[in-house]
């Protein structure tokens, strides 16, 4: 039964995508994907501060529902931050540094510099 329900959800998502309903959310996910390295480290810092002793020390004290709220909040912040950052810049900050190191040349970061 679970497999049929899963196929139903997959079919619904495919239909929504084909109808263009998911264009905006998928574009925000693509932005977060373009900044994967920066978002990974941001998420690590946020969750380390929340859960370990040098921060708020919440490890083991939240219910699963509360953890889902933390996940949703951190994800929403990352999606919003990625969208805003990539409006002004070509890459995430760590992606830019990585590209500059790989190519041994400082890559253009701002969008205006990339167009020139």
PDB file of N, CA and C in Angstrom:
ATOM      1  N   UNK A   1       0.818  -1.202   0.000  1.00  0.00           N
ATOM      2  CA  UNK A   1       0.000   0.000   0.000  1.00  0.00           C
ATOM      3  C   UNK A   1       0.867   1.273   0.000  1.00  0.00           C
ATOM      4  N   UNK A   2       1.968   1.235   0.764  1.00  0.00           N
ATOM      5  CA  UNK A   2       2.836   2.412   0.830  1.00  0.00           C
ATOM      6  C   UNK A   2       3.431   2.737  -0.536  1.00  0.00           C
ATOM      7  N   UNK A   3       3.769   1.699  -1.299  1.00  0.00           N
ATOM      8  CA  UNK A   3       4.328   1.923  -2.625  1.00  0.00           C
ATOM      9  C   UNK A   3       3.348   2.629  -3.546  1.00  0.00           C
ATOM     10  N   UNK A   4       2.093   2.258  -3.462  1.00  0.00           N
ATOM     11  CA  UNK A   4       1.063   2.881  -4.297  1.00  0.00           C
ATOM     12  C   UNK A   4       0.881   4.346  -3.893  1.00  0.00           C
ATOM     13  N   UNK A   5       0.873   4.599  -2.599  1.00  0.00           N
ATOM     14  CA  UNK A   5       0.748   5.974  -2.119  1.00  0.00           C
ATOM     15  C   UNK A   5       1.966   6.797  -2.573  1.00  0.00           C
ATOM     16  N   UNK A   6       3.158   6.206  -2.499  1.00  0.00           N
ATOM     17  CA  UNK A   6       4.358   6.900  -2.963  1.00  0.00           C
ATOM     18  C   UNK A   6       4.294   7.214  -4.442  1.00  0.00           C
ATOM     19  N   UNK A   7       3.808   6.270  -5.241  1.00  0.00           N
ATOM     20  CA  UNK A   7       3.645   6.521  -6.672  1.00  0.00           C
ATOM     21  C   UNK A   7       2.613   7.614  -6.934  1.00  0.00           C
ATOM     22  N   UNK A   8       1.574   7.642  -6.117  1.00  0.00           N
ATOM     23  CA  UNK A   8       0.568   8.702  -6.249  1.00  0.00           C
ATOM     24  C   UNK A   8       1.160  10.081  -5.989  1.00  0.00           C
ATOM     25  N   UNK A   9       1.985  10.192  -4.923  1.00  0.00           N
ATOM     26  CA  UNK A   9       2.646  11.468  -4.634  1.00  0.00           C
ATOM     27  C   UNK A   9       3.596  11.854  -5.757  1.00  0.00           C
ATOM     28  N   UNK A  10       4.337  10.888  -6.260  1.00  0.00           N
ATOM     29  CA  UNK A  10       5.268  11.172  -7.362  1.00  0.00           C
ATOM     30  C   UNK A  10       4.508  11.657  -8.587  1.00  0.00           C
ATOM     31  N   UNK A  11       3.389  11.003  -8.906  1.00  0.00           N
ATOM     32  CA  UNK A  11       2.580  11.419 -10.053  1.00  0.00           C
ATOM     33  C   UNK A  11       2.026  12.826  -9.852  1.00  0.00           C
ATOM     34  N   UNK A  12       1.586  13.124  -8.629  1.00  0.00           N
ATOM     35  CA  UNK A  12       1.068  14.468  -8.346  1.00  0.00           C
ATOM     36  C   UNK A  12       2.156  15.522  -8.528  1.00  0.00           C
ATOM     37  N   UNK A  13       3.369  15.239  -8.054  1.00  0.00           N
ATOM     38  CA  UNK A  13       4.469  16.188  -8.222  1.00  0.00           C
ATOM     39  C   UNK A  13       4.824  16.381  -9.692  1.00  0.00           C
ATOM     40  N   UNK A  14       4.800  15.314 -10.456  1.00  0.00           N
ATOM     41  CA  UNK A  14       5.087  15.413 -11.887  1.00  0.00           C
ATOM     42  C   UNK A  14       4.034  16.269 -12.581  1.00  0.00           C
ATOM     43  N   UNK A  15       2.779  16.064 -12.256  1.00  0.00           N
ATOM     44  CA  UNK A  15       1.708  16.861 -12.866  1.00  0.00           C
ATOM     45  C   UNK A  15       1.822  18.338 -12.479  1.00  0.00           C
ATOM     46  N   UNK A  16       2.145  18.617 -11.218  1.00  0.00           N
ATOM     47  CA  UNK A  16       2.322  20.001 -10.787  1.00  0.00           C
ATOM     48  C   UNK A  16       3.504  20.648 -11.496  1.00  0.00           C
ATOM     49  N   UNK A  17       4.573  19.884 -11.680  1.00  0.00           N
ATOM     50  CA  UNK A  17       5.743  20.406 -12.387  1.00  0.00           C
ATOM     51  C   UNK A  17       5.402  20.714 -13.845  1.00  0.00           C
ATOM     52  N   UNK A  18       4.715  19.814 -14.493  1.00  0.00           N
ATOM     53  CA  UNK A  18       4.332  20.038 -15.894  1.00  0.00           C
ATOM     54  C   UNK A  18       3.391  21.212 -16.064  1.00  0.00           C
ATOM     55  N   UNK A  19       2.570  21.480 -15.051  1.00  0.00           N
ATOM     56  CA  UNK A  19       1.643  22.611 -15.100  1.00  0.00           C
ATOM     57  C   UNK A  19       2.346  23.937 -14.791  1.00  0.00           C
ATOM     58  N   UNK A  20       3.605  23.878 -14.360  1.00  0.00           N
ATOM     59  CA  UNK A  20       4.352  25.096 -14.057  1.00  0.00           C
ATOM     60  C   UNK A  20       4.112  25.634 -12.660  1.00  0.00           C
ATOM     61  N   UNK A  21       3.403  24.904 -11.834  1.00  0.00           N
ATOM     62  CA  UNK A  21       3.087  25.368 -10.482  1.00  0.00           C
ATOM     63  C   UNK A  21       4.333  25.384  -9.604  1.00  0.00           C
ATOM     64  N   UNK A  22       5.267  24.488  -9.865  1.00  0.00           N
ATOM     65  CA  UNK A  22       6.447  24.352  -9.015  1.00  0.00           C
ATOM     66  C   UNK A  22       7.651  25.155  -9.505  1.00  0.00           C
ATOM     67  N   UNK A  23       7.454  26.038 -10.455  1.00  0.00           N
ATOM     68  CA  UNK A  23       8.577  26.776 -11.029  1.00  0.00           C
ATOM     69  C   UNK A  23       9.325  27.601  -9.974  1.00  0.00           C
ATOM     70  N   UNK A  24       8.597  28.362  -9.174  1.00  0.00           N
ATOM     71  CA  UNK A  24       9.237  29.205  -8.162  1.00  0.00           C
ATOM     72  C   UNK A  24       9.944  28.376  -7.080  1.00  0.00           C
ATOM     73  N   UNK A  25       9.282  27.385  -6.476  1.00  0.00           N
ATOM     74  CA  UNK A  25       9.987  26.602  -5.453  1.00  0.00           C
ATOM     75  C   UNK A  25      11.198  25.847  -6.003  1.00  0.00           C
ATOM     76  N   UNK A  26      11.090  25.329  -7.213  1.00  0.00           N
ATOM     77  CA  UNK A  26      12.216  24.610  -7.791  1.00  0.00           C
ATOM     78  C   UNK A  26      13.378  25.548  -8.118  1.00  0.00           C
ATOM     79  N   UNK A  27      13.070  26.771  -8.490  1.00  0.00           N
ATOM     80  CA  UNK A  27      14.132  27.749  -8.735  1.00  0.00           C
ATOM     81  C   UNK A  27      14.866  28.083  -7.436  1.00  0.00           C
ATOM     82  N   UNK A  28      14.138  28.151  -6.304  1.00  0.00           N
ATOM     83  CA  UNK A  28      14.782  28.410  -5.020  1.00  0.00           C
ATOM     84  C   UNK A  28      15.645  27.224  -4.609  1.00  0.00           C
ATOM     85  N   UNK A  29      15.199  26.015  -4.886  1.00  0.00           N
ATOM     86  CA  UNK A  29      16.025  24.840  -4.603  1.00  0.00           C
ATOM     87  C   UNK A  29      17.274  24.831  -5.477  1.00  0.00           C
ATOM     88  N   UNK A  30      17.135  25.269  -6.711  1.00  0.00           N
ATOM     89  CA  UNK A  30      18.303  25.350  -7.599  1.00  0.00           C
ATOM     90  C   UNK A  30      19.306  26.371  -7.069  1.00  0.00           C
ATOM     91  N   UNK A  31      18.807  27.490  -6.537  1.00  0.00           N
ATOM     92  CA  UNK A  31      19.702  28.487  -5.938  1.00  0.00           C
ATOM     93  C   UNK A  31      20.479  27.879  -4.771  1.00  0.00           C
ATOM     94  N   UNK A  32      19.781  27.155  -3.918  1.00  0.00           N
ATOM     95  CA  UNK A  32      20.456  26.510  -2.786  1.00  0.00           C
ATOM     96  C   UNK A  32      21.467  25.480  -3.278  1.00  0.00           C
ATOM     97  N   UNK A  33      21.164  24.801  -4.359  1.00  0.00           N
ATOM     98  CA  UNK A  33      22.094  23.838  -4.927  1.00  0.00           C
ATOM     99  C   UNK A  33      23.336  24.494  -5.496  1.00  0.00           C
ATOM    100  N   UNK A  34      23.182  25.686  -6.040  1.00  0.00           N
ATOM    101  CA  UNK A  34      24.339  26.416  -6.570  1.00  0.00           C
ATOM    102  C   UNK A  34      25.253  26.899  -5.445  1.00  0.00           C
ATOM    103  N   UNK A  35      24.720  26.951  -4.230  1.00  0.00           N
ATOM    104  CA  UNK A  35      25.500  27.360  -3.063  1.00  0.00           C
ATOM    105  C   UNK A  35      25.628  26.209  -2.063  1.00  0.00           C
ATOM    106  N   UNK A  36      25.751  24.987  -2.554  1.00  0.00           N
ATOM    107  CA  UNK A  36      25.712  23.807  -1.689  1.00  0.00           C
ATOM    108  C   UNK A  36      26.818  23.811  -0.631  1.00  0.00           C
ATOM    109  N   UNK A  37      28.036  24.154  -1.011  1.00  0.00           N
ATOM    110  CA  UNK A  37      29.158  24.159  -0.071  1.00  0.00           C
ATOM    111  C   UNK A  37      28.930  25.192   1.038  1.00  0.00           C
ATOM    112  N   UNK A  38      28.541  26.393   0.660  1.00  0.00           N
ATOM    113  CA  UNK A  38      28.271  27.445   1.650  1.00  0.00           C
ATOM    114  C   UNK A  38      27.098  27.061   2.548  1.00  0.00           C
ATOM    115  N   UNK A  39      26.043  26.514   1.965  1.00  0.00           N
ATOM    116  CA  UNK A  39      24.882  26.118   2.760  1.00  0.00           C
ATOM    117  C   UNK A  39      25.203  24.971   3.700  1.00  0.00           C
ATOM    118  N   UNK A  40      26.040  24.041   3.259  1.00  0.00           N
ATOM    119  CA  UNK A  40      26.433  22.928   4.113  1.00  0.00           C
ATOM    120  C   UNK A  40      27.139  23.448   5.364  1.00  0.00           C
ATOM    121  N   UNK A  41      28.077  24.357   5.175  1.00  0.00           N
ATOM    122  CA  UNK A  41      28.792  24.888   6.337  1.00  0.00           C
ATOM    123  C   UNK A  41      27.900  25.778   7.200  1.00  0.00           C
ATOM    124  N   UNK A  42      26.990  26.541   6.581  1.00  0.00           N
ATOM    125  CA  UNK A  42      26.051  27.353   7.353  1.00  0.00           C
ATOM    126  C   UNK A  42      25.153  26.461   8.212  1.00  0.00           C
ATOM    127  N   UNK A  43      24.659  25.383   7.637  1.00  0.00           N
ATOM    128  CA  UNK A  43      23.809  24.460   8.382  1.00  0.00           C
ATOM    129  C   UNK A  43      24.588  23.802   9.515  1.00  0.00           C
ATOM    130  N   UNK A  44      25.836  23.448   9.269  1.00  0.00           N
ATOM    131  CA  UNK A  44      26.669  22.843  10.300  1.00  0.00           C
ATOM    132  C   UNK A  44      26.874  23.805  11.466  1.00  0.00           C
ATOM    133  N   UNK A  45      27.163  25.055  11.168  1.00  0.00           N
ATOM    134  CA  UNK A  45      27.378  26.045  12.222  1.00  0.00           C
ATOM    135  C   UNK A  45      26.085  26.279  13.005  1.00  0.00           C
ATOM    136  N   UNK A  46      24.961  26.441  12.304  1.00  0.00           N
ATOM    137  CA  UNK A  46      23.675  26.670  12.988  1.00  0.00           C
ATOM    138  C   UNK A  46      23.318  25.515  13.912  1.00  0.00           C
ATOM    139  N   UNK A  47      23.408  24.301  13.405  1.00  0.00           N
ATOM    140  CA  UNK A  47      22.997  23.143  14.204  1.00  0.00           C
ATOM    141  C   UNK A  47      23.992  22.839  15.316  1.00  0.00           C
ATOM    142  N   UNK A  48      25.271  23.118  15.097  1.00  0.00           N
ATOM    143  CA  UNK A  48      26.255  22.951  16.168  1.00  0.00           C
ATOM    144  C   UNK A  48      25.958  23.920  17.305  1.00  0.00           C
ATOM    145  N   UNK A  49      25.641  25.155  16.953  1.00  0.00           N
ATOM    146  CA  UNK A  49      25.308  26.131  17.996  1.00  0.00           C
ATOM    147  C   UNK A  49      24.025  25.768  18.729  1.00  0.00           C
ATOM    148  N   UNK A  50      23.068  25.197  18.019  1.00  0.00           N
ATOM    149  CA  UNK A  50      21.810  24.827  18.664  1.00  0.00           C
ATOM    150  C   UNK A  50      21.947  23.607  19.573  1.00  0.00           C
ATOM    151  N   UNK A  51      22.691  22.604  19.118  1.00  0.00           N
ATOM    152  CA  UNK A  51      22.620  21.313  19.784  1.00  0.00           C
ATOM    153  C   UNK A  51      23.792  20.977  20.706  1.00  0.00           C
ATOM    154  N   UNK A  52      24.958  21.544  20.512  1.00  0.00           N
ATOM    155  CA  UNK A  52      26.102  21.165  21.344  1.00  0.00           C
ATOM    156  C   UNK A  52      26.280  22.099  22.516  1.00  0.00           C
ATOM    157  N   UNK A  53      27.143  21.687  23.453  1.00  0.00           N
ATOM    158  CA  UNK A  53      27.323  22.385  24.722  1.00  0.00           C
ATOM    159  C   UNK A  53      27.865  23.795  24.605  1.00  0.00           C
ATOM    160  N   UNK A  54      28.662  24.088  23.582  1.00  0.00           N
ATOM    161  CA  UNK A  54      29.191  25.445  23.455  1.00  0.00           C
ATOM    162  C   UNK A  54      28.151  26.414  22.909  1.00  0.00           C
ATOM    163  N   UNK A  55      26.961  25.902  22.573  1.00  0.00           N
ATOM    164  CA  UNK A  55      25.853  26.743  22.116  1.00  0.00           C
ATOM    165  C   UNK A  55      24.708  26.649  23.108  1.00  0.00           C
ATOM    166  N   UNK A  56      23.542  26.273  22.614  1.00  0.00           N
ATOM    167  CA  UNK A  56      22.359  26.179  23.464  1.00  0.00           C
ATOM    168  C   UNK A  56      22.198  24.815  24.124  1.00  0.00           C
ATOM    169  N   UNK A  57      22.940  23.810  23.671  1.00  0.00           N
ATOM    170  CA  UNK A  57      22.920  22.494  24.308  1.00  0.00           C
ATOM    171  C   UNK A  57      21.574  21.785  24.239  1.00  0.00           C
ATOM    172  N   UNK A  58      20.891  21.860  23.114  1.00  0.00           N
ATOM    173  CA  UNK A  58      19.560  21.267  22.992  1.00  0.00           C
ATOM    174  C   UNK A  58      19.567  19.791  22.575  1.00  0.00           C
ATOM    175  N   UNK A  59      20.744  19.181  22.439  1.00  0.00           N
ATOM    176  CA  UNK A  59      20.814  17.791  21.991  1.00  0.00           C
ATOM    177  C   UNK A  59      20.032  16.883  22.947  1.00  0.00           C
ATOM    178  N   UNK A  60      19.135  16.103  22.392  1.00  0.00           N
ATOM    179  CA  UNK A  60      18.355  15.152  23.167  1.00  0.00           C
ATOM    180  C   UNK A  60      17.178  15.748  23.909  1.00  0.00           C
ATOM    181  N   UNK A  61      16.949  17.032  23.788  1.00  0.00           N
ATOM    182  CA  UNK A  61      15.862  17.658  24.553  1.00  0.00           C
ATOM    183  C   UNK A  61      14.666  18.050  23.695  1.00  0.00           C
ATOM    184  N   UNK A  62      14.765  17.891  22.383  1.00  0.00           N
ATOM    185  CA  UNK A  62      13.652  18.256  21.507  1.00  0.00           C
ATOM    186  C   UNK A  62      12.934  17.004  21.000  1.00  0.00           C
ATOM    187  N   UNK A  63      11.629  17.139  20.833  1.00  0.00           N
ATOM    188  CA  UNK A  63      10.853  16.037  20.254  1.00  0.00           C
ATOM    189  C   UNK A  63      11.081  15.997  18.742  1.00  0.00           C
ATOM    190  N   UNK A  64      10.600  14.937  18.118  1.00  0.00           N
ATOM    191  CA  UNK A  64      10.745  14.842  16.668  1.00  0.00           C
ATOM    192  C   UNK A  64      10.008  15.970  15.948  1.00  0.00           C
ATOM    193  N   UNK A  65       8.854  16.330  16.457  1.00  0.00           N
ATOM    194  CA  UNK A  65       8.106  17.431  15.842  1.00  0.00           C
ATOM    195  C   UNK A  65       8.879  18.740  15.968  1.00  0.00           C
ATOM    196  N   UNK A  66       9.504  18.968  17.102  1.00  0.00           N
ATOM    197  CA  UNK A  66      10.294  20.177  17.280  1.00  0.00           C
ATOM    198  C   UNK A  66      11.525  20.157  16.373  1.00  0.00           C
ATOM    199  N   UNK A  67      12.134  18.982  16.203  1.00  0.00           N
ATOM    200  CA  UNK A  67      13.280  18.869  15.300  1.00  0.00           C
ATOM    201  C   UNK A  67      12.874  19.175  13.864  1.00  0.00           C
ATOM    202  N   UNK A  68      11.672  18.771  13.470  1.00  0.00           N
ATOM    203  CA  UNK A  68      11.182  19.103  12.131  1.00  0.00           C
ATOM    204  C   UNK A  68      11.012  20.610  11.986  1.00  0.00           C
ATOM    205  N   UNK A  69      10.598  21.269  13.057  1.00  0.00           N
ATOM    206  CA  UNK A  69      10.504  22.732  13.032  1.00  0.00           C
ATOM    207  C   UNK A  69      11.867  23.385  12.873  1.00  0.00           C
ATOM    208  N   UNK A  70      12.886  22.847  13.564  1.00  0.00           N
ATOM    209  CA  UNK A  70      14.254  23.355  13.419  1.00  0.00           C
ATOM    210  C   UNK A  70      14.720  23.140  11.986  1.00  0.00           C
ATOM    211  N   UNK A  71      14.483  21.949  11.459  1.00  0.00           N
ATOM    212  CA  UNK A  71      14.868  21.656  10.076  1.00  0.00           C
ATOM    213  C   UNK A  71      14.194  22.631   9.108  1.00  0.00           C
ATOM    214  N   UNK A  72      12.892  22.844   9.281  1.00  0.00           N
ATOM    215  CA  UNK A  72      12.155  23.737   8.386  1.00  0.00           C
ATOM    216  C   UNK A  72      12.685  25.174   8.488  1.00  0.00           C
ATOM    217  N   UNK A  73      12.988  25.615   9.695  1.00  0.00           N
ATOM    218  CA  UNK A  73      13.479  26.981   9.879  1.00  0.00           C
ATOM    219  C   UNK A  73      14.863  27.155   9.248  1.00  0.00           C
ATOM    220  N   UNK A  74      15.767  26.216   9.500  1.00  0.00           N
ATOM    221  CA  UNK A  74      17.113  26.319   8.931  1.00  0.00           C
ATOM    222  C   UNK A  74      17.043  26.239   7.408  1.00  0.00           C
ATOM    223  N   UNK A  75      16.209  25.350   6.889  1.00  0.00           N
ATOM    224  CA  UNK A  75      16.064  25.226   5.433  1.00  0.00           C
ATOM    225  C   UNK A  75      15.484  26.496   4.823  1.00  0.00           C
ATOM    226  N   UNK A  76      14.484  27.078   5.477  1.00  0.00           N
ATOM    227  CA  UNK A  76      13.885  28.312   4.967  1.00  0.00           C
ATOM    228  C   UNK A  76      14.900  29.450   4.949  1.00  0.00           C
ATOM    229  N   UNK A  77      15.711  29.551   5.999  1.00  0.00           N
ATOM    230  CA  UNK A  77      16.753  30.585   6.040  1.00  0.00           C
ATOM    231  C   UNK A  77      17.750  30.367   4.911  1.00  0.00           C
ATOM    232  N   UNK A  78      18.139  29.119   4.678  1.00  0.00           N
ATOM    233  CA  UNK A  78      19.098  28.833   3.614  1.00  0.00           C
ATOM    234  C   UNK A  78      18.520  29.135   2.235  1.00  0.00           C
ATOM    235  N   UNK A  79      17.279  28.768   2.001  1.00  0.00           N
ATOM    236  CA  UNK A  79      16.653  29.052   0.709  1.00  0.00           C
ATOM    237  C   UNK A  79      16.554  30.551   0.463  1.00  0.00           C
ATOM    238  N   UNK A  80      16.140  31.294   1.485  1.00  0.00           N
ATOM    239  CA  UNK A  80      16.024  32.750   1.351  1.00  0.00           C
ATOM    240  C   UNK A  80      17.396  33.395   1.170  1.00  0.00           C
ATOM    241  N   UNK A  81      18.362  32.981   1.967  1.00  0.00           N
ATOM    242  CA  UNK A  81      19.704  33.564   1.876  1.00  0.00           C
ATOM    243  C   UNK A  81      20.339  33.253   0.513  1.00  0.00           C
ATOM    244  N   UNK A  82      20.136  32.042   0.004  1.00  0.00           N
ATOM    245  CA  UNK A  82      20.693  31.681  -1.308  1.00  0.00           C
ATOM    246  C   UNK A  82      20.077  32.531  -2.399  1.00  0.00           C
ATOM    247  N   UNK A  83      18.767  32.728  -2.331  1.00  0.00           N
ATOM    248  CA  UNK A  83      18.056  33.517  -3.333  1.00  0.00           C
ATOM    249  C   UNK A  83      18.574  34.961  -3.341  1.00  0.00           C
ATOM    250  N   UNK A  84      18.674  35.557  -2.156  1.00  0.00           N
ATOM    251  CA  UNK A  84      19.128  36.943  -2.056  1.00  0.00           C
ATOM    252  C   UNK A  84      20.587  37.059  -2.493  1.00  0.00           C
ATOM    253  N   UNK A  85      21.439  36.152  -2.012  1.00  0.00           N
ATOM    254  CA  UNK A  85      22.860  36.218  -2.357  1.00  0.00           C
ATOM    255  C   UNK A  85      23.061  36.109  -3.861  1.00  0.00           C
ATOM    256  N   UNK A  86      22.410  35.144  -4.493  1.00  0.00           N
ATOM    257  CA  UNK A  86      22.619  34.924  -5.917  1.00  0.00           C
ATOM    258  C   UNK A  86      21.954  35.990  -6.787  1.00  0.00           C
ATOM    259  N   UNK A  87      21.132  36.829  -6.183  1.00  0.00           N
ATOM    260  CA  UNK A  87      20.604  37.980  -6.924  1.00  0.00           C
ATOM    261  C   UNK A  87      21.734  38.964  -7.221  1.00  0.00           C
ATOM    262  N   UNK A  88      22.694  39.079  -6.299  1.00  0.00           N
ATOM    263  CA  UNK A  88      23.782  40.050  -6.430  1.00  0.00           C
ATOM    264  C   UNK A  88      25.102  39.438  -6.895  1.00  0.00           C
ATOM    265  N   UNK A  89      25.273  38.150  -6.621  1.00  0.00           N
ATOM    266  CA  UNK A  89      26.564  37.517  -6.892  1.00  0.00           C
ATOM    267  C   UNK A  89      26.392  36.281  -7.777  1.00  0.00           C
ATOM    268  N   UNK A  90      27.464  35.899  -8.471  1.00  0.00           N
ATOM    269  CA  UNK A  90      27.438  34.754  -9.389  1.00  0.00           C
ATOM    270  C   UNK A  90      27.501  33.426  -8.658  1.00  0.00           C
ATOM    271  N   UNK A  91      28.244  33.375  -7.553  1.00  0.00           N
ATOM    272  CA  UNK A  91      28.479  32.145  -6.805  1.00  0.00           C
ATOM    273  C   UNK A  91      28.276  32.413  -5.323  1.00  0.00           C
ATOM    274  N   UNK A  92      28.175  31.345  -4.559  1.00  0.00           N
ATOM    275  CA  UNK A  92      28.220  31.473  -3.112  1.00  0.00           C
ATOM    276  C   UNK A  92      29.628  31.850  -2.692  1.00  0.00           C
ATOM    277  N   UNK A  93      29.814  32.349  -1.469  1.00  0.00           N
ATOM    278  CA  UNK A  93      31.148  32.795  -1.053  1.00  0.00           C
ATOM    279  C   UNK A  93      32.190  31.667  -1.045  1.00  0.00           C
ATOM    280  N   UNK A  94      31.827  30.494  -0.569  1.00  0.00           N
ATOM    281  CA  UNK A  94      32.791  29.397  -0.545  1.00  0.00           C
ATOM    282  C   UNK A  94      32.975  28.789  -1.929  1.00  0.00           C
ATOM    283  N   UNK A  95      31.933  28.785  -2.732  1.00  0.00           N
ATOM    284  CA  UNK A  95      32.070  28.310  -4.109  1.00  0.00           C
ATOM    285  C   UNK A  95      32.996  29.223  -4.902  1.00  0.00           C
ATOM    286  N   UNK A  96      32.905  30.522  -4.651  1.00  0.00           N
ATOM    287  CA  UNK A  96      33.791  31.485  -5.305  1.00  0.00           C
ATOM    288  C   UNK A  96      35.244  31.240  -4.892  1.00  0.00           C
ATOM    289  N   UNK A  97      35.463  31.054  -3.593  1.00  0.00           N
ATOM    290  CA  UNK A  97      36.821  30.807  -3.106  1.00  0.00           C
ATOM    291  C   UNK A  97      37.373  29.506  -3.692  1.00  0.00           C
ATOM    292  N   UNK A  98      36.544  28.489  -3.746  1.00  0.00           N
ATOM    293  CA  UNK A  98      36.978  27.206  -4.299  1.00  0.00           C
ATOM    294  C   UNK A  98      37.331  27.344  -5.782  1.00  0.00           C
ATOM    295  N   UNK A  99      36.494  28.009  -6.545  1.00  0.00           N
ATOM    296  CA  UNK A  99      36.792  28.212  -7.970  1.00  0.00           C
ATOM    297  C   UNK A  99      38.069  29.018  -8.162  1.00  0.00           C
ATOM    298  N   UNK A 100      38.245  30.041  -7.344  1.00  0.00           N
ATOM    299  CA  UNK A 100      39.453  30.866  -7.458  1.00  0.00           C
ATOM    300  C   UNK A 100      40.702  30.045  -7.138  1.00  0.00           C
ATOM    301  N   UNK A 101      40.623  29.177  -6.145  1.00  0.00           N
ATOM    302  CA  UNK A 101      41.764  28.323  -5.812  1.00  0.00           C
ATOM    303  C   UNK A 101      42.042  27.296  -6.908  1.00  0.00           C
ATOM    304  N   UNK A 102      40.999  26.715  -7.456  1.00  0.00           N
ATOM    305  CA  UNK A 102      41.184  25.694  -8.491  1.00  0.00           C
ATOM    306  C   UNK A 102      41.803  26.293  -9.747  1.00  0.00           C
ATOM    307  N   UNK A 103      41.342  27.466 -10.143  1.00  0.00           N
ATOM    308  CA  UNK A 103      41.826  28.106 -11.375  1.00  0.00           C
ATOM    309  C   UNK A 103      43.064  28.964 -11.153  1.00  0.00           C
ATOM    310  N   UNK A 104      43.508  29.138  -9.895  1.00  0.00           N
ATOM    311  CA  UNK A 104      44.654  29.978  -9.554  1.00  0.00           C
ATOM    312  C   UNK A 104      44.492  31.396 -10.089  1.00  0.00           C
ATOM    313  N   UNK A 105      43.256  31.865 -10.104  1.00  0.00           N
ATOM    314  CA  UNK A 105      42.951  33.208 -10.563  1.00  0.00           C
ATOM    315  C   UNK A 105      41.672  33.652  -9.855  1.00  0.00           C
ATOM    316  N   UNK A 106      41.651  34.873  -9.378  1.00  0.00           N
ATOM    317  CA  UNK A 106      40.461  35.375  -8.689  1.00  0.00           C
ATOM    318  C   UNK A 106      39.326  35.476  -9.700  1.00  0.00           C
ATOM    319  N   UNK A 107      38.256  34.769  -9.423  1.00  0.00           N
ATOM    320  CA  UNK A 107      37.100  34.757 -10.308  1.00  0.00           C
ATOM    321  C   UNK A 107      36.210  35.962 -10.013  1.00  0.00           C
ATOM    322  N   UNK A 108      35.525  36.483 -11.018  1.00  0.00           N
ATOM    323  CA  UNK A 108      34.592  37.584 -10.747  1.00  0.00           C
ATOM    324  C   UNK A 108      33.429  37.089  -9.890  1.00  0.00           C
ATOM    325  N   UNK A 109      33.112  37.842  -8.858  1.00  0.00           N
ATOM    326  CA  UNK A 109      32.063  37.430  -7.929  1.00  0.00           C
ATOM    327  C   UNK A 109      30.764  38.189  -8.173  1.00  0.00           C
ATOM    328  N   UNK A 110      30.850  39.497  -8.297  1.00  0.00           N
ATOM    329  CA  UNK A 110      29.635  40.299  -8.491  1.00  0.00           C
ATOM    330  C   UNK A 110      29.079  40.084  -9.893  1.00  0.00           C
ATOM    331  N   UNK A 111      27.802  40.171 -10.019  1.00  0.00           N
ATOM    332  CA  UNK A 111      27.163  39.973 -11.328  1.00  0.00           C
ATOM    333  C   UNK A 111      27.595  41.031 -12.343  1.00  0.00           C
ATOM    334  N   UNK A 112      27.787  42.296 -11.913  1.00  0.00           N
ATOM    335  CA  UNK A 112      28.203  43.353 -12.845  1.00  0.00           C
ATOM    336  C   UNK A 112      29.588  43.045 -13.403  1.00  0.00           C
ATOM    337  N   UNK A 113      30.463  42.536 -12.571  1.00  0.00           N
ATOM    338  CA  UNK A 113      31.826  42.221 -13.024  1.00  0.00           C
ATOM    339  C   UNK A 113      31.802  41.069 -14.029  1.00  0.00           C
ATOM    340  N   UNK A 114      30.842  40.166 -13.885  1.00  0.00           N
ATOM    341  CA  UNK A 114      30.754  39.029 -14.799  1.00  0.00           C
ATOM    342  C   UNK A 114      30.275  39.472 -16.171  1.00  0.00           C
ATOM    343  N   UNK A 115      29.421  40.497 -16.219  1.00  0.00           N
ATOM    344  CA  UNK A 115      28.883  40.956 -17.498  1.00  0.00           C
ATOM    345  C   UNK A 115      29.905  41.786 -18.285  1.00  0.00           C
ATOM    346  N   UNK A 116      30.852  42.399 -17.603  1.00  0.00           N
ATOM    347  CA  UNK A 116      31.825  43.281 -18.266  1.00  0.00           C
ATOM    348  C   UNK A 116      32.936  42.548 -18.959  1.00  0.00           C
TER     349      UNK A 116
END
